[in-house]
Amino acid sequence: MRAIFFGTPAIAVPSLEALVEVAEVVGVICQPDRPQGRGLKLQEPPVKQRALELGLDVYQPLKVRDGALRQRLLERQPDVGVVIAYGRILPGDVLSAPRRGCVNLHASLLPRLRGAAPIQWSIIRGDTETGISLMQMDEGLDTGPVYVREPISIGKEDSGQDLADRLGLLAADVVRKYLADVVSETLLATPQDEALATHAPLITAEICKLNFGEPAEVVTNLVRGLSPRPGAFTFIGGKRFKLLRCRPISPRQALAPGEVGVLYGEDVVIGCGGGEAIQILLGQVEGRAAMGPAELLRGRALQPGMVAK
């Protein structure tokens, strides 16, 4: 089985490693190196780093619709393309280049949460279960028929990163267990039920802005889903404050939505809608490292009576 792999971030690395176990990987396609950090130094994406360690051929096209990518695939004569978190929508001529087309390892139980950010939205919306769907790709947005759905539970304290790490490992297991049967056509796909489709759009700055008028659980789910990146944020004391970990708590004092309070000398809480509150476990003031509640108080980043806006 000859395979082409498409992927870019760390969540895709376990699937690449699994693919090497079950197929001859004749090429790896990932996004170009990007400038990162304060020095804006070019950084290789995690998939590229691992592919080079494995001695695989890596291609990082700037464009996917100019015919060059399709030609590269045709030259390598793959049986299948395996896609996970590549980061670009692939055109029809690329999808059809492998003999059996391209399959996608999508991080939701399709047709739920089609789109760019299914991991974050599964937590933000308070879901208790998600998973990996192995689907045949078409030119729609995660609309192709599905071969298998492998579920996984979402823990009450899982962050977006925690869940991504677990889903990355689950996707690799799906590659090991099912890819050969897909290519041999032993395993057949079934169409998605359009009536059950929901969407997981791109995470924007507007989505990341906290609204403390919401119930504590809603605020907590947003924080969890967006942690550590891009992070849910508010403004306190005129500075941008990123909330990285919190939990609902029964307030022992009346707090207005967004009002900062302190319990037992060092437990920092913020009022939410309906008289509820959250307890801050980890936060980050712009330009500073992430800190726990005691450090936030000592540095006066948070003080009783401040109001998050």
Protein backbone atom coordinates (compact mmCIF):
# COMPACT_ATOMS: atom_id res chain seq x y z
CA MET A 1 0.00 0.00 0.00
CA ARG A 2 1.54 3.27 -1.17
CA ALA A 3 0.37 6.34 0.73
CA ILE A 4 0.78 10.10 0.69
CA PHE A 5 0.39 11.88 4.04
CA PHE A 6 -1.03 15.38 4.52
CA GLY A 7 -0.65 16.99 7.95
CA THR A 8 1.03 19.89 9.73
CA PRO A 9 0.69 20.27 13.55
CA ALA A 10 1.62 17.99 16.44
CA ILE A 11 -1.77 16.24 16.52
CA ALA A 12 -0.94 14.70 13.11
CA VAL A 13 2.43 13.21 14.11
CA PRO A 14 1.10 9.96 15.67
CA SER A 15 -0.91 9.26 12.50
CA LEU A 16 2.20 9.72 10.36
CA GLU A 17 4.07 7.27 12.57
CA ALA A 18 1.19 4.80 12.32
CA LEU A 19 1.05 5.16 8.54
CA VAL A 20 4.73 4.27 8.28
CA GLU A 21 3.88 1.02 10.08
CA VAL A 22 1.15 -0.05 7.65
CA ALA A 23 2.13 1.47 4.31
CA GLU A 24 4.97 2.65 2.14
CA VAL A 25 4.84 6.42 2.64
CA VAL A 26 5.92 7.91 -0.69
CA GLY A 27 5.59 11.54 0.34
CA VAL A 28 4.60 13.91 3.15
CA ILE A 29 2.80 17.19 2.42
CA CYS A 30 2.67 19.91 5.08
CA GLN A 31 2.33 23.65 5.42
CA PRO A 32 5.38 25.90 4.82
CA ASP A 33 7.68 26.87 7.69
CA ARG A 34 6.26 29.86 9.58
CA PRO A 35 7.88 32.62 11.68
CA GLN A 36 7.19 32.13 15.38
CA GLY A 37 8.18 33.62 18.72
CA ARG A 38 9.44 37.07 19.55
CA GLY A 39 12.31 36.77 17.10
CA LEU A 40 9.97 35.55 14.35
CA LYS A 41 12.42 32.79 13.49
CA LEU A 42 11.20 30.33 10.88
CA GLN A 43 9.98 27.13 12.55
CA GLU A 44 9.44 23.79 10.87
CA PRO A 45 6.00 22.30 11.56
CA PRO A 46 5.99 19.19 13.79
CA VAL A 47 5.00 16.86 10.94
CA LYS A 48 7.94 18.02 8.84
CA GLN A 49 10.34 17.51 11.73
CA ARG A 50 9.15 13.94 12.33
CA ALA A 51 9.01 13.10 8.62
CA LEU A 52 12.64 14.13 8.15
CA GLU A 53 13.63 12.03 11.16
CA LEU A 54 11.91 9.09 9.48
CA GLY A 55 13.76 9.75 6.22
CA LEU A 56 10.63 10.65 4.28
CA ASP A 57 10.29 13.03 1.35
CA VAL A 58 8.66 16.33 2.43
CA TYR A 59 6.92 18.85 0.18
CA GLN A 60 5.60 22.21 1.45
CA PRO A 61 3.62 23.84 -1.37
CA LEU A 62 2.73 27.50 -1.18
CA LYS A 63 -0.28 26.79 -3.41
CA VAL A 64 -2.46 23.72 -3.80
CA ARG A 65 -4.51 24.76 -6.84
CA ASP A 66 -1.86 25.45 -9.49
CA GLY A 67 -1.53 21.82 -10.65
CA ALA A 68 1.95 21.28 -9.20
CA LEU A 69 0.73 19.34 -6.17
CA ARG A 70 -1.44 17.06 -8.28
CA GLN A 71 1.48 16.37 -10.61
CA ARG A 72 3.73 15.52 -7.69
CA LEU A 73 1.17 13.03 -6.41
CA LEU A 74 0.67 11.42 -9.83
CA GLU A 75 4.42 10.91 -10.17
CA ARG A 76 4.46 8.93 -6.91
CA GLN A 77 1.45 6.76 -7.82
CA PRO A 78 -0.07 6.50 -4.33
CA ASP A 79 -2.95 4.18 -3.55
CA VAL A 80 -4.36 6.60 -0.98
CA GLY A 81 -3.87 10.02 0.54
CA VAL A 82 -4.23 10.27 4.33
CA VAL A 83 -5.15 13.71 5.67
CA ILE A 84 -5.24 14.99 9.24
CA ALA A 85 -5.07 18.67 10.21
CA TYR A 86 -3.28 19.71 7.02
CA GLY A 87 -4.69 23.22 7.26
CA ARG A 88 -5.86 23.84 3.71
CA ILE A 89 -8.86 22.79 1.66
CA LEU A 90 -7.67 20.41 -1.05
CA PRO A 91 -9.11 20.84 -4.57
CA GLY A 92 -10.76 18.04 -6.48
CA ASP A 93 -7.78 17.38 -8.75
CA VAL A 94 -5.60 16.66 -5.70
CA LEU A 95 -8.25 14.54 -3.96
CA SER A 96 -8.59 12.33 -7.04
CA ALA A 97 -4.86 11.87 -7.69
CA PRO A 98 -4.37 8.77 -5.47
CA ARG A 99 -5.92 5.57 -6.83
CA ARG A 100 -8.43 5.37 -3.96
CA GLY A 101 -8.66 9.10 -3.40
CA CYS A 102 -7.99 10.80 -0.07
CA VAL A 103 -9.33 9.95 3.38
CA ASN A 104 -9.53 12.35 6.28
CA LEU A 105 -9.14 11.71 10.01
CA HIS A 106 -11.60 14.30 11.31
CA ALA A 107 -11.64 15.07 15.04
CA SER A 108 -15.37 14.73 15.68
CA LEU A 109 -18.18 12.21 15.33
CA LEU A 110 -19.45 13.34 11.95
CA PRO A 111 -21.79 14.84 10.91
CA ARG A 112 -21.39 16.72 14.20
CA LEU A 113 -18.87 19.54 14.23
CA ARG A 114 -17.84 19.82 10.62
CA GLY A 115 -15.24 22.51 10.09
CA ALA A 116 -11.96 23.96 11.24
CA ALA A 117 -12.10 23.69 15.05
CA PRO A 118 -14.02 20.58 16.16
CA ILE A 119 -11.84 19.91 19.21
CA GLN A 120 -12.32 23.36 20.71
CA TRP A 121 -16.03 23.49 19.96
CA SER A 122 -16.72 20.06 21.45
CA ILE A 123 -15.54 21.41 24.82
CA ILE A 124 -17.02 24.90 24.42
CA ARG A 125 -20.44 23.39 23.77
CA GLY A 126 -20.21 21.12 26.80
CA ASP A 127 -20.12 17.80 24.93
CA THR A 128 -19.18 14.71 26.95
CA GLU A 129 -18.08 12.67 23.91
CA THR A 130 -16.25 13.23 20.65
CA GLY A 131 -13.98 11.07 18.52
CA ILE A 132 -12.26 10.44 15.21
CA SER A 133 -14.20 9.90 11.99
CA LEU A 134 -12.40 8.26 9.08
CA MET A 135 -14.10 9.63 5.98
CA GLN A 136 -13.71 9.66 2.22
CA MET A 137 -12.95 13.22 1.17
CA ASP A 138 -14.99 15.12 -1.37
CA GLU A 139 -14.94 18.80 -2.28
CA GLY A 140 -17.39 19.73 0.49
CA LEU A 141 -16.43 20.74 4.02
CA ASP A 142 -16.22 17.38 5.84
CA THR A 143 -19.28 16.13 3.95
CA GLY A 144 -17.95 12.86 2.51
CA PRO A 145 -19.15 9.38 3.47
CA VAL A 146 -17.77 7.90 6.70
CA TYR A 147 -16.03 4.54 7.09
CA VAL A 148 -15.80 4.43 10.86
CA ARG A 149 -16.34 6.58 13.94
CA GLU A 150 -14.20 5.89 16.99
CA PRO A 151 -15.59 7.65 20.10
CA ILE A 152 -13.70 9.06 23.08
CA SER A 153 -15.03 10.65 26.27
CA ILE A 154 -14.33 14.28 27.20
CA GLY A 155 -13.24 14.72 30.81
CA LYS A 156 -14.75 17.50 32.90
CA GLU A 157 -11.34 19.14 33.25
CA ASP A 158 -9.96 18.41 29.77
CA SER A 159 -8.45 21.42 28.03
CA GLY A 160 -8.34 21.78 24.28
CA GLN A 161 -4.72 20.61 24.35
CA ASP A 162 -5.50 17.61 26.57
CA LEU A 163 -8.22 16.47 24.19
CA ALA A 164 -6.09 17.10 21.09
CA ASP A 165 -3.32 14.92 22.51
CA ARG A 166 -5.72 12.04 23.12
CA LEU A 167 -7.41 12.42 19.73
CA GLY A 168 -4.03 12.38 18.00
CA LEU A 169 -3.30 8.97 19.51
CA LEU A 170 -6.80 7.72 18.67
CA ALA A 171 -6.38 8.81 15.04
CA ALA A 172 -3.19 6.78 14.84
CA ASP A 173 -5.05 3.69 16.09
CA VAL A 174 -7.70 4.25 13.41
CA VAL A 175 -4.96 4.28 10.74
CA ARG A 176 -3.54 1.01 12.02
CA LYS A 177 -6.90 -0.74 12.31
CA TYR A 178 -8.85 0.42 9.29
CA LEU A 179 -6.77 1.99 6.50
CA ALA A 180 -5.85 -1.26 4.76
CA ASP A 181 -9.51 -2.32 4.67
CA VAL A 182 -10.47 1.04 3.17
CA VAL A 183 -7.90 0.74 0.40
CA SER A 184 -8.85 -2.87 -0.34
CA GLU A 185 -12.54 -1.83 -0.32
CA THR A 186 -13.30 -4.42 2.37
CA LEU A 187 -14.66 -1.58 4.51
CA LEU A 188 -17.31 0.56 2.86
CA ALA A 189 -18.38 4.11 3.71
CA THR A 190 -21.89 5.30 4.47
CA PRO A 191 -23.29 8.77 3.67
CA GLN A 192 -23.67 11.30 6.46
CA ASP A 193 -27.12 12.34 7.66
CA GLU A 194 -27.34 16.00 6.67
CA ALA A 195 -30.16 16.61 9.14
CA LEU A 196 -27.74 15.95 12.03
CA ALA A 197 -24.93 18.20 10.79
CA THR A 198 -23.48 20.87 13.08
CA HIS A 199 -20.52 23.15 12.48
CA ALA A 200 -17.26 24.11 14.18
CA PRO A 201 -16.15 27.41 12.62
CA LEU A 202 -12.76 29.06 12.92
CA ILE A 203 -11.95 30.47 16.33
CA THR A 204 -11.95 34.26 16.13
CA ALA A 205 -10.96 36.93 18.66
CA GLU A 206 -14.64 37.68 19.17
CA ILE A 207 -15.26 34.07 20.22
CA CYS A 208 -12.29 34.19 22.63
CA LYS A 209 -13.65 37.22 24.52
CA LEU A 210 -15.14 36.15 27.85
CA ASN A 211 -18.65 37.21 28.85
CA PHE A 212 -19.04 36.95 32.62
CA GLY A 213 -22.76 37.51 32.30
CA GLU A 214 -22.93 33.84 31.22
CA PRO A 215 -23.28 31.00 33.77
CA ALA A 216 -20.08 29.73 35.38
CA GLU A 217 -20.15 26.44 33.45
CA VAL A 218 -20.40 28.24 30.11
CA VAL A 219 -17.45 30.48 31.02
CA THR A 220 -15.43 27.48 32.22
CA ASN A 221 -16.12 25.49 29.04
CA LEU A 222 -14.92 28.39 26.89
CA VAL A 223 -11.72 28.66 28.94
CA ARG A 224 -11.10 24.90 28.73
CA GLY A 225 -11.78 24.67 25.02
CA LEU A 226 -9.42 27.52 24.13
CA SER A 227 -6.58 26.59 26.49
CA PRO A 228 -3.68 27.04 26.05
CA ARG A 229 -4.04 28.57 22.58
CA PRO A 230 -5.46 30.93 21.52
CA GLY A 231 -6.82 31.38 25.04
CA ALA A 232 -10.00 32.98 26.37
CA PHE A 233 -9.42 36.55 27.50
CA THR A 234 -10.84 39.61 29.19
CA PHE A 235 -9.51 42.99 30.30
CA ILE A 236 -8.77 43.66 33.97
CA GLY A 237 -7.14 46.83 35.26
CA GLY A 238 -6.73 48.05 31.69
CA LYS A 239 -4.64 45.01 30.70
CA ARG A 240 -5.49 42.00 28.60
CA PHE A 241 -5.84 38.97 30.86
CA LYS A 242 -5.86 35.44 29.46
CA LEU A 243 -7.67 32.88 31.59
CA LEU A 244 -6.07 29.44 31.14
CA ARG A 245 -7.62 27.29 33.87
CA CYS A 246 -10.64 27.79 36.10
CA ARG A 247 -13.55 25.92 37.63
CA PRO A 248 -17.09 26.75 38.76
CA ILE A 249 -17.36 27.48 42.46
CA SER A 250 -20.17 28.33 44.87
CA PRO A 251 -19.46 31.95 45.83
CA ARG A 252 -19.43 32.86 49.52
CA GLN A 253 -19.93 36.50 48.75
CA ALA A 254 -22.18 38.39 46.37
CA LEU A 255 -20.20 39.26 43.24
CA ALA A 256 -21.43 41.15 40.21
CA PRO A 257 -20.63 39.54 36.83
CA GLY A 258 -16.92 40.17 36.17
CA GLU A 259 -16.16 41.35 39.72
CA VAL A 260 -12.98 39.95 41.28
CA GLY A 261 -13.13 38.57 44.81
CA VAL A 262 -10.76 36.69 47.11
CA LEU A 263 -11.59 33.74 49.38
CA TYR A 264 -9.46 32.50 52.26
CA GLY A 265 -6.76 35.03 51.47
CA GLU A 266 -5.57 33.60 48.14
CA ASP A 267 -8.39 31.89 46.21
CA VAL A 268 -9.29 34.33 43.43
CA VAL A 269 -12.83 34.22 42.07
CA ILE A 270 -14.77 36.15 39.43
CA GLY A 271 -18.51 36.63 39.48
CA CYS A 272 -20.63 35.18 36.67
CA GLY A 273 -24.25 35.35 35.66
CA GLY A 274 -27.02 34.14 37.94
CA GLY A 275 -25.00 34.76 41.10
CA GLU A 276 -22.47 32.07 40.15
CA ALA A 277 -18.68 32.37 40.09
CA ILE A 278 -15.50 30.76 38.81
CA GLN A 279 -12.24 30.16 40.66
CA ILE A 280 -9.10 31.15 38.77
CA LEU A 281 -6.44 28.42 38.73
CA LEU A 282 -4.08 29.80 36.08
CA GLY A 283 -4.01 33.15 34.31
CA GLN A 284 -1.69 35.32 32.25
CA VAL A 285 -1.41 39.09 32.10
CA GLU A 286 -0.20 40.37 28.73
CA GLY A 287 3.59 40.46 28.54
CA ARG A 288 4.07 38.15 31.53
CA ALA A 289 4.27 34.42 32.17
CA ALA A 290 1.26 32.38 33.26
CA MET A 291 0.71 32.50 37.03
CA GLY A 292 -1.37 30.87 39.71
CA PRO A 293 -3.77 32.86 41.92
CA ALA A 294 -1.28 33.59 44.71
CA GLU A 295 1.22 35.04 42.24
CA LEU A 296 -1.48 37.09 40.53
CA LEU A 297 -2.41 38.60 43.88
CA ARG A 298 1.17 39.28 44.95
CA GLY A 299 1.92 41.01 41.66
CA ARG A 300 -1.32 42.96 42.03
CA ALA A 301 -2.48 41.85 38.62
CA LEU A 302 -5.74 40.94 40.34
CA GLN A 303 -7.20 42.65 43.40
CA PRO A 304 -10.59 42.43 45.10
CA GLY A 305 -13.08 44.80 43.58
CA MET A 306 -11.51 44.90 40.13
CA VAL A 307 -13.97 44.25 37.31
CA ALA A 308 -13.26 42.20 34.20
CA LYS A 309 -14.62 43.92 31.10
